[in-house]
């Protein structure tokens, strides 16, 4: 297997996730790292947000991360052989006010990577745009949507449930690539 120093963000996430799963800790990759992976690193995120889906105690996560050479520094875990850092944001695994609908799995040489689907990744980034007016999140939505198959009907339905249908309608063309 590759050394941690040689791992991509996806490989590192799969390595960590697989190790944690062997310790009885379930996590799913979310956030900007999903955007990086789905955009072939046209967007780069140095942090890997692993959502703790079963609310495992931080102490157990800390112990498991130490086993593979990570040390806790504030809210992050760092390893001396990589610039990537890992965070365990609080759950539940959701986008806006709804639970995540689909978790996809990718088998890599370093383990199994569990992450948001492209559609839920878009919803996750739209939440940042809708609720915090984060234009970088909207740019990330466009990157993911331009490189992956996404379910626009589901995104429209979700936007309506979030009370953001008007905002969705104003940017729909940008997401689909019909209005740059």
C-alpha atoms as a PDB file:
ATOM      1  CA  UNK A   1       0.000   0.000   0.000  1.00  0.00           C
ATOM      2  CA  UNK A   2       1.066   3.595  -0.598  1.00  0.00           C
ATOM      3  CA  UNK A   3       2.587   5.579   2.203  1.00  0.00           C
ATOM      4  CA  UNK A   4       0.449   8.338   3.673  1.00  0.00           C
ATOM      5  CA  UNK A   5       2.835  10.851   2.106  1.00  0.00           C
ATOM      6  CA  UNK A   6       1.898   9.604  -1.383  1.00  0.00           C
ATOM      7  CA  UNK A   7      -1.886   9.421  -0.876  1.00  0.00           C
ATOM      8  CA  UNK A   8      -4.362  11.679  -2.612  1.00  0.00           C
ATOM      9  CA  UNK A   9      -7.176  13.169  -0.560  1.00  0.00           C
ATOM     10  CA  UNK A  10      -9.522  10.374  -1.664  1.00  0.00           C
ATOM     11  CA  UNK A  11      -6.977   7.666  -0.855  1.00  0.00           C
ATOM     12  CA  UNK A  12      -6.271   9.170   2.544  1.00  0.00           C
ATOM     13  CA  UNK A  13      -9.988   9.451   3.334  1.00  0.00           C
ATOM     14  CA  UNK A  14     -10.501   5.808   2.293  1.00  0.00           C
ATOM     15  CA  UNK A  15      -7.534   4.721   4.433  1.00  0.00           C
ATOM     16  CA  UNK A  16      -8.794   6.565   7.509  1.00  0.00           C
ATOM     17  CA  UNK A  17     -12.427   5.531   6.971  1.00  0.00           C
ATOM     18  CA  UNK A  18     -11.461   1.864   6.597  1.00  0.00           C
ATOM     19  CA  UNK A  19      -9.317   1.965   9.723  1.00  0.00           C
ATOM     20  CA  UNK A  20     -12.110   3.602  11.712  1.00  0.00           C
ATOM     21  CA  UNK A  21     -14.674   1.125  10.374  1.00  0.00           C
ATOM     22  CA  UNK A  22     -12.437  -1.725  11.597  1.00  0.00           C
ATOM     23  CA  UNK A  23     -12.599  -0.045  15.020  1.00  0.00           C
ATOM     24  CA  UNK A  24     -16.406   0.090  14.885  1.00  0.00           C
ATOM     25  CA  UNK A  25     -16.552   3.804  13.994  1.00  0.00           C
ATOM     26  CA  UNK A  26     -18.653   4.787  10.966  1.00  0.00           C
ATOM     27  CA  UNK A  27     -17.876   8.012   9.124  1.00  0.00           C
ATOM     28  CA  UNK A  28     -18.797   9.509   5.744  1.00  0.00           C
ATOM     29  CA  UNK A  29     -16.830  12.103   3.779  1.00  0.00           C
ATOM     30  CA  UNK A  30     -18.649  15.407   3.301  1.00  0.00           C
ATOM     31  CA  UNK A  31     -17.842  19.037   2.555  1.00  0.00           C
ATOM     32  CA  UNK A  32     -15.170  20.538   0.348  1.00  0.00           C
ATOM     33  CA  UNK A  33     -13.202  17.297  -0.027  1.00  0.00           C
ATOM     34  CA  UNK A  34     -16.188  15.826  -1.888  1.00  0.00           C
ATOM     35  CA  UNK A  35     -16.070  18.833  -4.205  1.00  0.00           C
ATOM     36  CA  UNK A  36     -12.335  18.226  -4.757  1.00  0.00           C
ATOM     37  CA  UNK A  37     -12.923  14.596  -5.657  1.00  0.00           C
ATOM     38  CA  UNK A  38     -15.954  15.234  -7.885  1.00  0.00           C
ATOM     39  CA  UNK A  39     -14.194  18.104  -9.676  1.00  0.00           C
ATOM     40  CA  UNK A  40     -10.930  16.174 -10.254  1.00  0.00           C
ATOM     41  CA  UNK A  41      -9.240  18.685  -7.942  1.00  0.00           C
ATOM     42  CA  UNK A  42     -10.268  21.784  -9.900  1.00  0.00           C
ATOM     43  CA  UNK A  43     -11.262  22.860  -6.403  1.00  0.00           C
ATOM     44  CA  UNK A  44      -8.770  21.950  -3.688  1.00  0.00           C
ATOM     45  CA  UNK A  45      -9.677  21.375  -0.066  1.00  0.00           C
ATOM     46  CA  UNK A  46      -6.988  20.429   2.405  1.00  0.00           C
ATOM     47  CA  UNK A  47      -9.402  19.274   5.085  1.00  0.00           C
ATOM     48  CA  UNK A  48     -11.313  16.034   5.087  1.00  0.00           C
ATOM     49  CA  UNK A  49     -14.652  16.355   6.881  1.00  0.00           C
ATOM     50  CA  UNK A  50     -15.617  12.920   8.160  1.00  0.00           C
ATOM     51  CA  UNK A  51     -19.113  12.962   9.637  1.00  0.00           C
ATOM     52  CA  UNK A  52     -19.404  10.643  12.624  1.00  0.00           C
ATOM     53  CA  UNK A  53     -22.694   8.930  11.709  1.00  0.00           C
ATOM     54  CA  UNK A  54     -23.152   6.999  14.960  1.00  0.00           C
ATOM     55  CA  UNK A  55     -22.063   9.746  17.356  1.00  0.00           C
ATOM     56  CA  UNK A  56     -19.026   7.825  18.581  1.00  0.00           C
ATOM     57  CA  UNK A  57     -17.272   9.479  21.515  1.00  0.00           C
ATOM     58  CA  UNK A  58     -14.353  11.733  20.585  1.00  0.00           C
ATOM     59  CA  UNK A  59     -12.053   9.727  22.865  1.00  0.00           C
ATOM     60  CA  UNK A  60     -12.597   6.558  20.763  1.00  0.00           C
ATOM     61  CA  UNK A  61     -11.930   8.481  17.556  1.00  0.00           C
ATOM     62  CA  UNK A  62      -8.783  10.023  19.072  1.00  0.00           C
ATOM     63  CA  UNK A  63      -7.474   6.601  20.103  1.00  0.00           C
ATOM     64  CA  UNK A  64      -8.175   5.103  16.672  1.00  0.00           C
ATOM     65  CA  UNK A  65      -6.528   8.032  14.885  1.00  0.00           C
ATOM     66  CA  UNK A  66      -3.414   7.725  17.065  1.00  0.00           C
ATOM     67  CA  UNK A  67      -3.070   4.098  15.958  1.00  0.00           C
ATOM     68  CA  UNK A  68      -2.404   5.308  12.408  1.00  0.00           C
ATOM     69  CA  UNK A  69      -0.118   8.174  13.367  1.00  0.00           C
ATOM     70  CA  UNK A  70      -2.494  11.143  13.638  1.00  0.00           C
ATOM     71  CA  UNK A  71      -2.362  13.577  16.535  1.00  0.00           C
ATOM     72  CA  UNK A  72      -5.129  15.854  17.697  1.00  0.00           C
ATOM     73  CA  UNK A  73      -4.467  19.575  17.287  1.00  0.00           C
ATOM     74  CA  UNK A  74      -7.486  21.607  18.342  1.00  0.00           C
ATOM     75  CA  UNK A  75     -10.474  20.377  16.370  1.00  0.00           C
ATOM     76  CA  UNK A  76      -8.310  18.720  13.690  1.00  0.00           C
ATOM     77  CA  UNK A  77      -6.213  15.586  13.383  1.00  0.00           C
ATOM     78  CA  UNK A  78      -2.875  15.929  11.615  1.00  0.00           C
ATOM     79  CA  UNK A  79      -0.258  13.474  10.418  1.00  0.00           C
ATOM     80  CA  UNK A  80       3.389  14.455   9.904  1.00  0.00           C
ATOM     81  CA  UNK A  81       3.475  12.889   6.419  1.00  0.00           C
ATOM     82  CA  UNK A  82       0.593  14.814   4.808  1.00  0.00           C
ATOM     83  CA  UNK A  83      -0.662  18.361   4.436  1.00  0.00           C
ATOM     84  CA  UNK A  84      -4.257  17.144   4.613  1.00  0.00           C
ATOM     85  CA  UNK A  85      -5.954  17.432   7.971  1.00  0.00           C
ATOM     86  CA  UNK A  86      -9.028  15.658   9.224  1.00  0.00           C
ATOM     87  CA  UNK A  87     -12.010  17.026  11.074  1.00  0.00           C
ATOM     88  CA  UNK A  88     -14.975  15.183  12.563  1.00  0.00           C
ATOM     89  CA  UNK A  89     -17.880  17.655  12.402  1.00  0.00           C
ATOM     90  CA  UNK A  90     -20.901  16.794  14.487  1.00  0.00           C
ATOM     91  CA  UNK A  91     -23.669  14.829  12.882  1.00  0.00           C
ATOM     92  CA  UNK A  92     -26.180  13.922  11.893  1.00  0.00           C
ATOM     93  CA  UNK A  93     -25.245  13.402   8.263  1.00  0.00           C
ATOM     94  CA  UNK A  94     -27.570  15.910   6.630  1.00  0.00           C
ATOM     95  CA  UNK A  95     -27.866  18.563   3.954  1.00  0.00           C
ATOM     96  CA  UNK A  96     -29.798  21.559   5.161  1.00  0.00           C
ATOM     97  CA  UNK A  97     -32.678  20.194   7.205  1.00  0.00           C
ATOM     98  CA  UNK A  98     -32.832  16.740   5.594  1.00  0.00           C
ATOM     99  CA  UNK A  99     -30.833  13.554   6.105  1.00  0.00           C
ATOM    100  CA  UNK A 100     -28.469  12.630   3.289  1.00  0.00           C
ATOM    101  CA  UNK A 101     -30.305  10.505   0.738  1.00  0.00           C
ATOM    102  CA  UNK A 102     -27.427   8.572  -0.819  1.00  0.00           C
ATOM    103  CA  UNK A 103     -23.954   7.554   0.265  1.00  0.00           C
ATOM    104  CA  UNK A 104     -21.719   6.281  -2.519  1.00  0.00           C
ATOM    105  CA  UNK A 105     -18.817   3.917  -2.042  1.00  0.00           C
ATOM    106  CA  UNK A 106     -15.595   3.803  -4.045  1.00  0.00           C
ATOM    107  CA  UNK A 107     -13.114   0.975  -3.676  1.00  0.00           C
ATOM    108  CA  UNK A 108      -9.562   2.308  -3.688  1.00  0.00           C
ATOM    109  CA  UNK A 109      -6.249   0.568  -3.035  1.00  0.00           C
ATOM    110  CA  UNK A 110      -6.213   2.189   0.406  1.00  0.00           C
ATOM    111  CA  UNK A 111      -9.733   1.111   1.439  1.00  0.00           C
ATOM    112  CA  UNK A 112     -13.380   1.922   0.894  1.00  0.00           C
ATOM    113  CA  UNK A 113     -14.288   5.580   0.516  1.00  0.00           C
ATOM    114  CA  UNK A 114     -17.834   6.412   1.617  1.00  0.00           C
ATOM    115  CA  UNK A 115     -18.982   9.894   0.594  1.00  0.00           C
ATOM    116  CA  UNK A 116     -21.936  12.046  -0.368  1.00  0.00           C
ATOM    117  CA  UNK A 117     -23.382  11.413  -3.826  1.00  0.00           C
ATOM    118  CA  UNK A 118     -22.800  14.159  -6.401  1.00  0.00           C
ATOM    119  CA  UNK A 119     -26.422  15.300  -5.924  1.00  0.00           C
ATOM    120  CA  UNK A 120     -26.095  15.516  -2.132  1.00  0.00           C
ATOM    121  CA  UNK A 121     -22.704  17.205  -2.529  1.00  0.00           C
ATOM    122  CA  UNK A 122     -24.425  19.885  -4.628  1.00  0.00           C
ATOM    123  CA  UNK A 123     -27.142  20.274  -1.975  1.00  0.00           C
ATOM    124  CA  UNK A 124     -24.458  20.544   0.740  1.00  0.00           C
ATOM    125  CA  UNK A 125     -22.726  23.355  -1.140  1.00  0.00           C
ATOM    126  CA  UNK A 126     -26.040  25.041  -1.999  1.00  0.00           C
ATOM    127  CA  UNK A 127     -26.817  25.161   1.717  1.00  0.00           C
ATOM    128  CA  UNK A 128     -23.686  27.300   2.151  1.00  0.00           C
ATOM    129  CA  UNK A 129     -24.832  29.555  -0.659  1.00  0.00           C
ATOM    130  CA  UNK A 130     -28.461  29.733   0.496  1.00  0.00           C
ATOM    131  CA  UNK A 131     -27.821  30.340   4.177  1.00  0.00           C
ATOM    132  CA  UNK A 132     -24.529  32.261   4.245  1.00  0.00           C
ATOM    133  CA  UNK A 133     -24.475  33.880   0.775  1.00  0.00           C
ATOM    134  CA  UNK A 134     -21.175  32.053   0.161  1.00  0.00           C
ATOM    135  CA  UNK A 135     -20.426  32.605  -3.535  1.00  0.00           C
ATOM    136  CA  UNK A 136     -17.496  30.175  -3.376  1.00  0.00           C
ATOM    137  CA  UNK A 137     -20.020  27.464  -2.509  1.00  0.00           C
ATOM    138  CA  UNK A 138     -22.014  28.360  -5.623  1.00  0.00           C
ATOM    139  CA  UNK A 139     -18.827  28.064  -7.721  1.00  0.00           C
ATOM    140  CA  UNK A 140     -18.277  24.623  -6.175  1.00  0.00           C
ATOM    141  CA  UNK A 141     -21.828  23.618  -7.112  1.00  0.00           C
ATOM    142  CA  UNK A 142     -21.082  24.489 -10.735  1.00  0.00           C
ATOM    143  CA  UNK A 143     -17.825  22.488 -10.669  1.00  0.00           C
ATOM    144  CA  UNK A 144     -19.545  19.372  -9.327  1.00  0.00           C
ATOM    145  CA  UNK A 145     -22.563  19.707 -11.621  1.00  0.00           C
ATOM    146  CA  UNK A 146     -20.421  20.216 -14.731  1.00  0.00           C
ATOM    147  CA  UNK A 147     -18.446  17.004 -14.135  1.00  0.00           C
ATOM    148  CA  UNK A 148     -21.051  14.628 -12.711  1.00  0.00           C
ATOM    149  CA  UNK A 149     -24.560  13.405 -13.250  1.00  0.00           C
ATOM    150  CA  UNK A 150     -26.797  15.129 -10.730  1.00  0.00           C
ATOM    151  CA  UNK A 151     -30.527  14.925 -10.144  1.00  0.00           C
ATOM    152  CA  UNK A 152     -31.820  18.461 -10.765  1.00  0.00           C
ATOM    153  CA  UNK A 153     -35.399  17.474  -9.894  1.00  0.00           C
ATOM    154  CA  UNK A 154     -34.211  16.304  -6.470  1.00  0.00           C
ATOM    155  CA  UNK A 155     -32.195  19.494  -5.971  1.00  0.00           C
ATOM    156  CA  UNK A 156     -35.218  21.585  -6.924  1.00  0.00           C
ATOM    157  CA  UNK A 157     -37.460  19.581  -4.540  1.00  0.00           C
ATOM    158  CA  UNK A 158     -34.914  19.966  -1.721  1.00  0.00           C
ATOM    159  CA  UNK A 159     -34.548  23.703  -2.399  1.00  0.00           C
ATOM    160  CA  UNK A 160     -38.320  24.079  -2.139  1.00  0.00           C
ATOM    161  CA  UNK A 161     -38.410  22.188   1.188  1.00  0.00           C
ATOM    162  CA  UNK A 162     -35.591  24.450   2.442  1.00  0.00           C
ATOM    163  CA  UNK A 163     -37.675  27.505   1.526  1.00  0.00           C
ATOM    164  CA  UNK A 164     -35.153  28.497  -1.141  1.00  0.00           C
ATOM    165  CA  UNK A 165     -37.013  27.778  -4.389  1.00  0.00           C
ATOM    166  CA  UNK A 166     -36.770  31.393  -5.549  1.00  0.00           C
ATOM    167  CA  UNK A 167     -33.002  31.363  -5.019  1.00  0.00           C
ATOM    168  CA  UNK A 168     -32.747  28.012  -6.815  1.00  0.00           C
ATOM    169  CA  UNK A 169     -34.726  29.288  -9.808  1.00  0.00           C
ATOM    170  CA  UNK A 170     -32.411  32.307 -10.060  1.00  0.00           C
ATOM    171  CA  UNK A 171     -29.283  30.113 -10.336  1.00  0.00           C
ATOM    172  CA  UNK A 172     -30.652  26.985 -12.038  1.00  0.00           C
ATOM    173  CA  UNK A 173     -29.239  27.969 -15.419  1.00  0.00           C
ATOM    174  CA  UNK A 174     -25.799  28.428 -13.941  1.00  0.00           C
ATOM    175  CA  UNK A 175     -25.914  24.964 -12.355  1.00  0.00           C
ATOM    176  CA  UNK A 176     -27.038  23.272 -15.579  1.00  0.00           C
ATOM    177  CA  UNK A 177     -24.529  25.200 -17.675  1.00  0.00           C
ATOM    178  CA  UNK A 178     -27.169  27.009 -19.704  1.00  0.00           C
ATOM    179  CA  UNK A 179     -26.334  30.375 -18.207  1.00  0.00           C
ATOM    180  CA  UNK A 180     -22.733  31.066 -17.260  1.00  0.00           C
END
